[in-house]
Amino acid sequence: MPQVKRIAVSAGGLVIRVENGRPELVLGRRRRERDGYVWSLPKGTPEEGETREETAVREVREETGLEVKILSYYDAIFYAFSRAGERIEKTVHYYIMEAIGGSFENFDHEFEELRWVPMDEAVRLLDFKTESALVERAYAQIGG
């Protein structure tokens, strides 16, 4: 029986700061039933009528507790997966962001842990190859 295909779009952010001359970004760790814990970037699904930019800012704020400002559009990643007999082809749009307020204490607990991670370490820590490659390119571009 052929799988039903669905297209999904999300938006998120690479929230970057520089500490002691070293770029860091926010990563979150969440539990997944099928494979324990995963480290990933904050992202999520648009609400009715939201632009991609609005979605990215809201999702990063909800998932991290940080108030953020978009500095620029960065890139998109694409991946496909199956859930309950449905093939989902997903595109996630990422923006370069900076934190302008808030704190990790205010997050919505979708992540179990949040950290500022040096970008070179984040490349190794991220569990999804698409996100890791995205961060690796961003790190190279900002002089890593």
N, C-alpha and C. Protein backbone atom coordinates (compact mmCIF):
# COMPACT_ATOMS: atom_id res chain seq x y z
N MET A 1 0.84 -1.18 0.00
CA MET A 1 0.00 0.00 0.00
C MET A 1 0.89 1.25 0.00
N PRO A 2 0.71 2.16 -0.94
CA PRO A 2 1.55 3.36 -1.00
C PRO A 2 1.29 4.28 0.19
N GLN A 3 2.35 4.96 0.59
CA GLN A 3 2.23 5.91 1.69
C GLN A 3 1.59 7.21 1.22
N VAL A 4 0.83 7.82 2.09
CA VAL A 4 0.29 9.15 1.85
C VAL A 4 1.43 10.13 2.04
N LYS A 5 1.50 11.13 1.18
CA LYS A 5 2.59 12.11 1.27
C LYS A 5 2.02 13.43 1.78
N ARG A 6 2.78 14.05 2.69
CA ARG A 6 2.39 15.35 3.22
C ARG A 6 3.61 16.26 3.24
N ILE A 7 3.39 17.52 2.91
CA ILE A 7 4.44 18.53 2.93
C ILE A 7 4.31 19.31 4.23
N ALA A 8 5.42 19.51 4.93
CA ALA A 8 5.41 20.27 6.18
C ALA A 8 6.49 21.33 6.13
N VAL A 9 6.23 22.48 6.77
CA VAL A 9 7.19 23.58 6.83
C VAL A 9 7.30 24.05 8.27
N SER A 10 8.52 24.32 8.71
CA SER A 10 8.78 24.86 10.03
C SER A 10 9.80 25.99 9.90
N ALA A 11 10.01 26.70 11.01
CA ALA A 11 11.01 27.77 11.04
C ALA A 11 11.65 27.81 12.42
N GLY A 12 12.91 28.20 12.43
CA GLY A 12 13.64 28.26 13.70
C GLY A 12 14.83 29.17 13.59
N GLY A 13 15.72 29.03 14.57
CA GLY A 13 16.83 29.97 14.61
C GLY A 13 18.13 29.39 15.10
N LEU A 14 19.19 29.99 14.59
CA LEU A 14 20.53 29.82 15.13
C LEU A 14 20.76 31.05 15.98
N VAL A 15 20.56 30.92 17.29
CA VAL A 15 20.73 32.03 18.21
C VAL A 15 22.20 32.03 18.61
N ILE A 16 22.92 33.06 18.17
CA ILE A 16 24.38 33.10 18.30
C ILE A 16 24.81 34.26 19.19
N ARG A 17 25.82 33.99 20.01
CA ARG A 17 26.50 35.03 20.78
C ARG A 17 27.99 34.73 20.73
N VAL A 18 28.79 35.71 21.09
CA VAL A 18 30.24 35.50 21.16
C VAL A 18 30.67 35.68 22.62
N GLU A 19 31.29 34.65 23.17
CA GLU A 19 31.81 34.67 24.54
C GLU A 19 33.30 34.42 24.49
N ASN A 20 34.07 35.35 25.04
CA ASN A 20 35.54 35.23 25.05
C ASN A 20 36.09 34.97 23.65
N GLY A 21 35.52 35.67 22.66
CA GLY A 21 35.99 35.55 21.28
C GLY A 21 35.57 34.28 20.58
N ARG A 22 34.70 33.50 21.19
CA ARG A 22 34.29 32.20 20.62
C ARG A 22 32.78 32.21 20.39
N PRO A 23 32.33 31.96 19.14
CA PRO A 23 30.89 31.95 18.89
C PRO A 23 30.21 30.73 19.50
N GLU A 24 29.06 31.00 20.12
CA GLU A 24 28.25 29.95 20.74
C GLU A 24 26.83 30.05 20.20
N LEU A 25 26.10 28.94 20.27
CA LEU A 25 24.69 28.99 19.92
C LEU A 25 23.88 28.13 20.87
N VAL A 26 22.58 28.37 20.87
CA VAL A 26 21.67 27.68 21.77
C VAL A 26 21.25 26.34 21.16
N LEU A 27 21.42 25.29 21.96
CA LEU A 27 20.93 23.96 21.60
C LEU A 27 20.02 23.47 22.71
N GLY A 28 19.07 22.63 22.33
CA GLY A 28 18.18 22.02 23.30
C GLY A 28 18.22 20.51 23.19
N ARG A 29 18.01 19.87 24.33
CA ARG A 29 17.97 18.41 24.37
C ARG A 29 16.55 17.99 24.73
N ARG A 30 16.00 17.12 23.92
CA ARG A 30 14.65 16.63 24.17
C ARG A 30 14.61 15.11 24.10
N ARG A 31 13.64 14.54 24.76
CA ARG A 31 13.46 13.09 24.75
C ARG A 31 12.62 12.72 23.53
N ARG A 32 13.05 11.65 22.87
CA ARG A 32 12.24 11.06 21.79
C ARG A 32 12.06 9.60 22.12
N GLU A 33 10.82 9.13 21.99
CA GLU A 33 10.50 7.76 22.39
C GLU A 33 11.35 6.72 21.68
N ARG A 34 11.59 6.92 20.40
CA ARG A 34 12.25 5.85 19.65
C ARG A 34 13.77 5.82 19.79
N ASP A 35 14.41 6.94 20.23
CA ASP A 35 15.86 6.90 20.30
C ASP A 35 16.45 7.71 21.45
N GLY A 36 15.78 7.73 22.59
CA GLY A 36 16.33 8.39 23.76
C GLY A 36 16.29 9.90 23.67
N TYR A 37 17.46 10.53 23.79
CA TYR A 37 17.56 11.98 23.75
C TYR A 37 18.21 12.45 22.46
N VAL A 38 17.81 13.63 22.00
CA VAL A 38 18.46 14.24 20.86
C VAL A 38 18.74 15.71 21.17
N TRP A 39 19.86 16.21 20.68
CA TRP A 39 20.21 17.62 20.73
C TRP A 39 19.83 18.23 19.40
N SER A 40 19.13 19.36 19.45
CA SER A 40 18.69 19.99 18.21
C SER A 40 18.57 21.50 18.38
N LEU A 41 18.31 22.15 17.26
CA LEU A 41 18.09 23.59 17.22
C LEU A 41 16.62 23.88 17.51
N PRO A 42 16.32 25.04 18.08
CA PRO A 42 14.91 25.40 18.30
C PRO A 42 14.20 25.70 16.98
N LYS A 43 13.02 25.12 16.83
CA LYS A 43 12.23 25.31 15.61
C LYS A 43 10.81 24.86 15.87
N GLY A 44 9.90 25.23 14.98
CA GLY A 44 8.53 24.78 15.14
C GLY A 44 7.65 25.14 13.98
N THR A 45 6.40 24.79 14.13
CA THR A 45 5.40 24.88 13.08
C THR A 45 4.63 26.20 13.13
N PRO A 46 4.34 26.79 11.98
CA PRO A 46 3.59 28.05 11.96
C PRO A 46 2.19 27.90 12.51
N GLU A 47 1.74 28.96 13.16
CA GLU A 47 0.34 29.07 13.54
C GLU A 47 -0.39 29.77 12.40
N GLU A 48 -1.69 29.65 12.38
CA GLU A 48 -2.51 30.26 11.32
C GLU A 48 -2.15 31.73 11.11
N GLY A 49 -1.82 32.06 9.86
CA GLY A 49 -1.57 33.44 9.49
C GLY A 49 -0.18 33.98 9.79
N GLU A 50 0.69 33.17 10.40
CA GLU A 50 2.03 33.64 10.73
C GLU A 50 2.95 33.60 9.52
N THR A 51 3.87 34.56 9.45
CA THR A 51 4.95 34.51 8.46
C THR A 51 6.01 33.54 8.99
N ARG A 52 6.95 33.15 8.14
CA ARG A 52 8.06 32.30 8.59
C ARG A 52 8.87 33.01 9.67
N GLU A 53 9.09 34.31 9.51
CA GLU A 53 9.86 35.07 10.49
C GLU A 53 9.15 35.09 11.84
N GLU A 54 7.84 35.32 11.82
CA GLU A 54 7.07 35.34 13.07
C GLU A 54 7.11 33.97 13.75
N THR A 55 7.00 32.92 12.94
CA THR A 55 7.07 31.57 13.48
C THR A 55 8.41 31.33 14.14
N ALA A 56 9.49 31.68 13.45
CA ALA A 56 10.84 31.45 13.98
C ALA A 56 11.04 32.17 15.32
N VAL A 57 10.65 33.43 15.39
CA VAL A 57 10.82 34.21 16.63
C VAL A 57 9.97 33.62 17.75
N ARG A 58 8.71 33.30 17.47
CA ARG A 58 7.82 32.73 18.49
C ARG A 58 8.33 31.39 18.98
N GLU A 59 8.68 30.51 18.06
CA GLU A 59 9.14 29.17 18.45
C GLU A 59 10.42 29.23 19.27
N VAL A 60 11.37 30.07 18.86
CA VAL A 60 12.61 30.19 19.64
C VAL A 60 12.30 30.74 21.03
N ARG A 61 11.42 31.73 21.11
CA ARG A 61 11.03 32.30 22.41
C ARG A 61 10.36 31.22 23.29
N GLU A 62 9.41 30.47 22.72
CA GLU A 62 8.71 29.45 23.49
C GLU A 62 9.65 28.33 23.94
N GLU A 63 10.49 27.87 23.03
CA GLU A 63 11.33 26.71 23.32
C GLU A 63 12.55 27.03 24.18
N THR A 64 13.02 28.29 24.16
CA THR A 64 14.24 28.63 24.90
C THR A 64 14.01 29.62 26.05
N GLY A 65 12.93 30.38 26.01
CA GLY A 65 12.71 31.43 26.99
C GLY A 65 13.40 32.73 26.64
N LEU A 66 14.14 32.75 25.53
CA LEU A 66 14.89 33.94 25.13
C LEU A 66 14.05 34.82 24.21
N GLU A 67 14.14 36.11 24.41
CA GLU A 67 13.61 37.07 23.44
C GLU A 67 14.70 37.24 22.39
N VAL A 68 14.34 37.11 21.12
CA VAL A 68 15.34 37.14 20.06
C VAL A 68 14.97 38.13 18.97
N LYS A 69 16.00 38.53 18.24
CA LYS A 69 15.84 39.40 17.09
C LYS A 69 16.49 38.71 15.90
N ILE A 70 15.78 38.70 14.77
CA ILE A 70 16.34 38.13 13.54
C ILE A 70 17.36 39.11 12.96
N LEU A 71 18.55 38.60 12.67
CA LEU A 71 19.57 39.40 12.00
C LEU A 71 19.53 39.18 10.50
N SER A 72 19.26 37.92 10.08
CA SER A 72 19.17 37.62 8.65
C SER A 72 18.60 36.23 8.45
N TYR A 73 18.07 36.01 7.24
CA TYR A 73 17.69 34.66 6.85
C TYR A 73 18.99 33.91 6.61
N TYR A 74 19.04 32.64 7.00
CA TYR A 74 20.27 31.89 6.76
C TYR A 74 20.11 30.84 5.67
N ASP A 75 19.29 29.83 5.91
CA ASP A 75 19.19 28.74 4.94
C ASP A 75 18.03 27.84 5.35
N ALA A 76 17.76 26.85 4.52
CA ALA A 76 16.73 25.87 4.82
C ALA A 76 17.34 24.48 4.71
N ILE A 77 16.78 23.57 5.49
CA ILE A 77 17.15 22.17 5.37
C ILE A 77 15.91 21.39 4.97
N PHE A 78 16.12 20.25 4.36
CA PHE A 78 15.02 19.40 3.90
C PHE A 78 15.30 17.98 4.37
N TYR A 79 14.25 17.32 4.84
CA TYR A 79 14.36 15.91 5.17
C TYR A 79 12.98 15.27 5.07
N ALA A 80 12.98 13.97 5.00
CA ALA A 80 11.73 13.23 4.91
C ALA A 80 11.74 12.13 5.98
N PHE A 81 10.55 11.83 6.48
CA PHE A 81 10.42 10.76 7.47
C PHE A 81 9.01 10.19 7.36
N SER A 82 8.82 9.04 8.00
CA SER A 82 7.50 8.40 8.00
C SER A 82 6.96 8.35 9.41
N ARG A 83 5.66 8.59 9.52
CA ARG A 83 4.97 8.49 10.81
C ARG A 83 3.58 7.97 10.54
N ALA A 84 3.24 6.87 11.18
CA ALA A 84 1.91 6.25 11.08
C ALA A 84 1.49 6.04 9.63
N GLY A 85 2.42 5.52 8.81
CA GLY A 85 2.11 5.22 7.42
C GLY A 85 2.07 6.42 6.49
N GLU A 86 2.46 7.56 6.99
CA GLU A 86 2.44 8.79 6.19
C GLU A 86 3.88 9.25 5.96
N ARG A 87 4.21 9.54 4.72
CA ARG A 87 5.54 10.09 4.41
C ARG A 87 5.43 11.61 4.49
N ILE A 88 6.28 12.19 5.32
CA ILE A 88 6.29 13.64 5.53
C ILE A 88 7.58 14.20 4.97
N GLU A 89 7.44 15.14 4.05
CA GLU A 89 8.59 15.83 3.47
C GLU A 89 8.61 17.23 4.07
N LYS A 90 9.67 17.51 4.84
CA LYS A 90 9.69 18.71 5.66
C LYS A 90 10.82 19.65 5.25
N THR A 91 10.51 20.94 5.20
CA THR A 91 11.50 21.99 5.01
C THR A 91 11.49 22.85 6.26
N VAL A 92 12.69 23.11 6.79
CA VAL A 92 12.81 23.97 7.96
C VAL A 92 13.69 25.17 7.57
N HIS A 93 13.13 26.36 7.72
CA HIS A 93 13.83 27.60 7.40
C HIS A 93 14.48 28.14 8.67
N TYR A 94 15.77 28.49 8.58
CA TYR A 94 16.52 28.98 9.74
C TYR A 94 16.97 30.42 9.53
N TYR A 95 16.94 31.15 10.62
CA TYR A 95 17.36 32.55 10.66
C TYR A 95 18.51 32.68 11.66
N ILE A 96 19.45 33.59 11.34
CA ILE A 96 20.48 33.95 12.31
C ILE A 96 19.84 34.94 13.26
N MET A 97 19.97 34.69 14.57
CA MET A 97 19.31 35.51 15.58
C MET A 97 20.28 35.88 16.69
N GLU A 98 19.91 36.94 17.40
CA GLU A 98 20.63 37.26 18.63
C GLU A 98 19.62 37.38 19.76
N ALA A 99 20.04 37.00 20.96
CA ALA A 99 19.18 37.12 22.13
C ALA A 99 19.23 38.57 22.60
N ILE A 100 18.05 39.13 22.86
CA ILE A 100 17.97 40.52 23.33
C ILE A 100 17.30 40.61 24.69
N GLY A 101 16.99 39.46 25.28
CA GLY A 101 16.36 39.42 26.60
C GLY A 101 15.90 38.02 26.91
N GLY A 102 15.16 37.91 28.03
CA GLY A 102 14.65 36.62 28.44
C GLY A 102 15.72 35.76 29.10
N SER A 103 15.34 34.54 29.45
CA SER A 103 16.30 33.60 30.05
C SER A 103 15.79 32.18 29.87
N PHE A 104 16.69 31.23 30.00
CA PHE A 104 16.33 29.83 29.86
C PHE A 104 15.27 29.40 30.87
N GLU A 105 15.15 30.10 32.00
CA GLU A 105 14.17 29.73 33.01
C GLU A 105 12.73 29.87 32.49
N ASN A 106 12.53 30.63 31.41
CA ASN A 106 11.18 30.91 30.92
C ASN A 106 10.74 30.02 29.76
N PHE A 107 11.43 28.92 29.51
CA PHE A 107 11.08 28.10 28.35
C PHE A 107 9.88 27.20 28.63
N ASP A 108 9.29 26.64 27.55
CA ASP A 108 8.05 25.88 27.66
C ASP A 108 8.23 24.39 27.97
N HIS A 109 9.42 23.97 28.22
CA HIS A 109 9.75 22.58 28.58
C HIS A 109 9.55 21.58 27.46
N GLU A 110 9.49 22.06 26.22
CA GLU A 110 9.55 21.12 25.10
C GLU A 110 10.94 20.48 25.08
N PHE A 111 11.95 21.29 25.42
CA PHE A 111 13.30 20.76 25.64
C PHE A 111 13.42 20.42 27.13
N GLU A 112 14.22 19.41 27.43
CA GLU A 112 14.48 19.10 28.83
C GLU A 112 15.70 19.85 29.35
N GLU A 113 16.57 20.28 28.43
CA GLU A 113 17.77 21.01 28.82
C GLU A 113 18.12 21.97 27.70
N LEU A 114 18.61 23.14 28.08
CA LEU A 114 19.08 24.14 27.12
C LEU A 114 20.50 24.53 27.49
N ARG A 115 21.31 24.80 26.46
CA ARG A 115 22.70 25.20 26.70
C ARG A 115 23.18 26.15 25.62
N TRP A 116 24.08 27.06 26.02
CA TRP A 116 24.92 27.78 25.06
C TRP A 116 26.10 26.86 24.80
N VAL A 117 26.34 26.50 23.54
CA VAL A 117 27.39 25.55 23.18
C VAL A 117 28.30 26.21 22.14
N PRO A 118 29.64 26.14 22.34
CA PRO A 118 30.53 26.64 21.30
C PRO A 118 30.17 25.99 19.96
N MET A 119 30.16 26.80 18.89
CA MET A 119 29.67 26.29 17.60
C MET A 119 30.43 25.08 17.10
N ASP A 120 31.75 25.04 17.31
CA ASP A 120 32.51 23.88 16.83
C ASP A 120 32.09 22.61 17.59
N GLU A 121 31.75 22.74 18.87
CA GLU A 121 31.26 21.60 19.64
C GLU A 121 29.83 21.24 19.24
N ALA A 122 29.03 22.24 18.91
CA ALA A 122 27.64 22.01 18.52
C ALA A 122 27.57 21.14 17.27
N VAL A 123 28.51 21.33 16.36
CA VAL A 123 28.55 20.53 15.13
C VAL A 123 28.59 19.04 15.48
N ARG A 124 29.36 18.69 16.52
CA ARG A 124 29.47 17.29 16.94
C ARG A 124 28.32 16.84 17.84
N LEU A 125 27.75 17.77 18.60
CA LEU A 125 26.72 17.42 19.56
C LEU A 125 25.34 17.22 18.92
N LEU A 126 25.05 17.99 17.86
CA LEU A 126 23.74 17.89 17.20
C LEU A 126 23.52 16.48 16.66
N ASP A 127 22.33 15.95 16.87
CA ASP A 127 22.03 14.58 16.46
C ASP A 127 21.57 14.44 15.02
N PHE A 128 21.09 15.52 14.42
CA PHE A 128 20.60 15.43 13.05
C PHE A 128 21.66 15.98 12.09
N LYS A 129 22.03 15.17 11.11
CA LYS A 129 23.09 15.56 10.17
C LYS A 129 22.76 16.84 9.43
N THR A 130 21.49 17.05 9.11
CA THR A 130 21.11 18.26 8.38
C THR A 130 21.37 19.50 9.23
N GLU A 131 21.05 19.44 10.52
CA GLU A 131 21.31 20.58 11.41
C GLU A 131 22.80 20.76 11.66
N SER A 132 23.51 19.67 11.84
CA SER A 132 24.95 19.73 12.05
C SER A 132 25.67 20.39 10.87
N ALA A 133 25.30 20.00 9.65
CA ALA A 133 25.89 20.58 8.45
C ALA A 133 25.56 22.07 8.35
N LEU A 134 24.35 22.45 8.72
CA LEU A 134 23.93 23.85 8.71
C LEU A 134 24.81 24.67 9.66
N VAL A 135 25.00 24.18 10.87
CA VAL A 135 25.80 24.88 11.87
C VAL A 135 27.27 24.92 11.45
N GLU A 136 27.75 23.84 10.86
CA GLU A 136 29.14 23.81 10.41
C GLU A 136 29.39 24.88 9.35
N ARG A 137 28.45 25.05 8.41
CA ARG A 137 28.59 26.09 7.38
C ARG A 137 28.55 27.48 8.00
N ALA A 138 27.62 27.68 8.93
CA ALA A 138 27.51 29.00 9.60
C ALA A 138 28.78 29.31 10.37
N TYR A 139 29.33 28.33 11.05
CA TYR A 139 30.56 28.52 11.82
C TYR A 139 31.71 28.91 10.90
N ALA A 140 31.82 28.23 9.78
CA ALA A 140 32.89 28.56 8.81
C ALA A 140 32.72 29.97 8.28
N GLN A 141 31.49 30.39 8.05
CA GLN A 141 31.23 31.71 7.48
C GLN A 141 31.51 32.85 8.47
N ILE A 142 31.39 32.58 9.76
CA ILE A 142 31.64 33.66 10.71
C ILE A 142 33.07 33.63 11.25
N GLY A 143 33.89 32.80 10.61
CA GLY A 143 35.31 32.82 10.94
C GLY A 143 35.76 31.77 11.92
N GLY A 144 35.02 30.67 12.00
CA GLY A 144 35.37 29.61 12.95
C GLY A 144 36.58 28.84 12.54
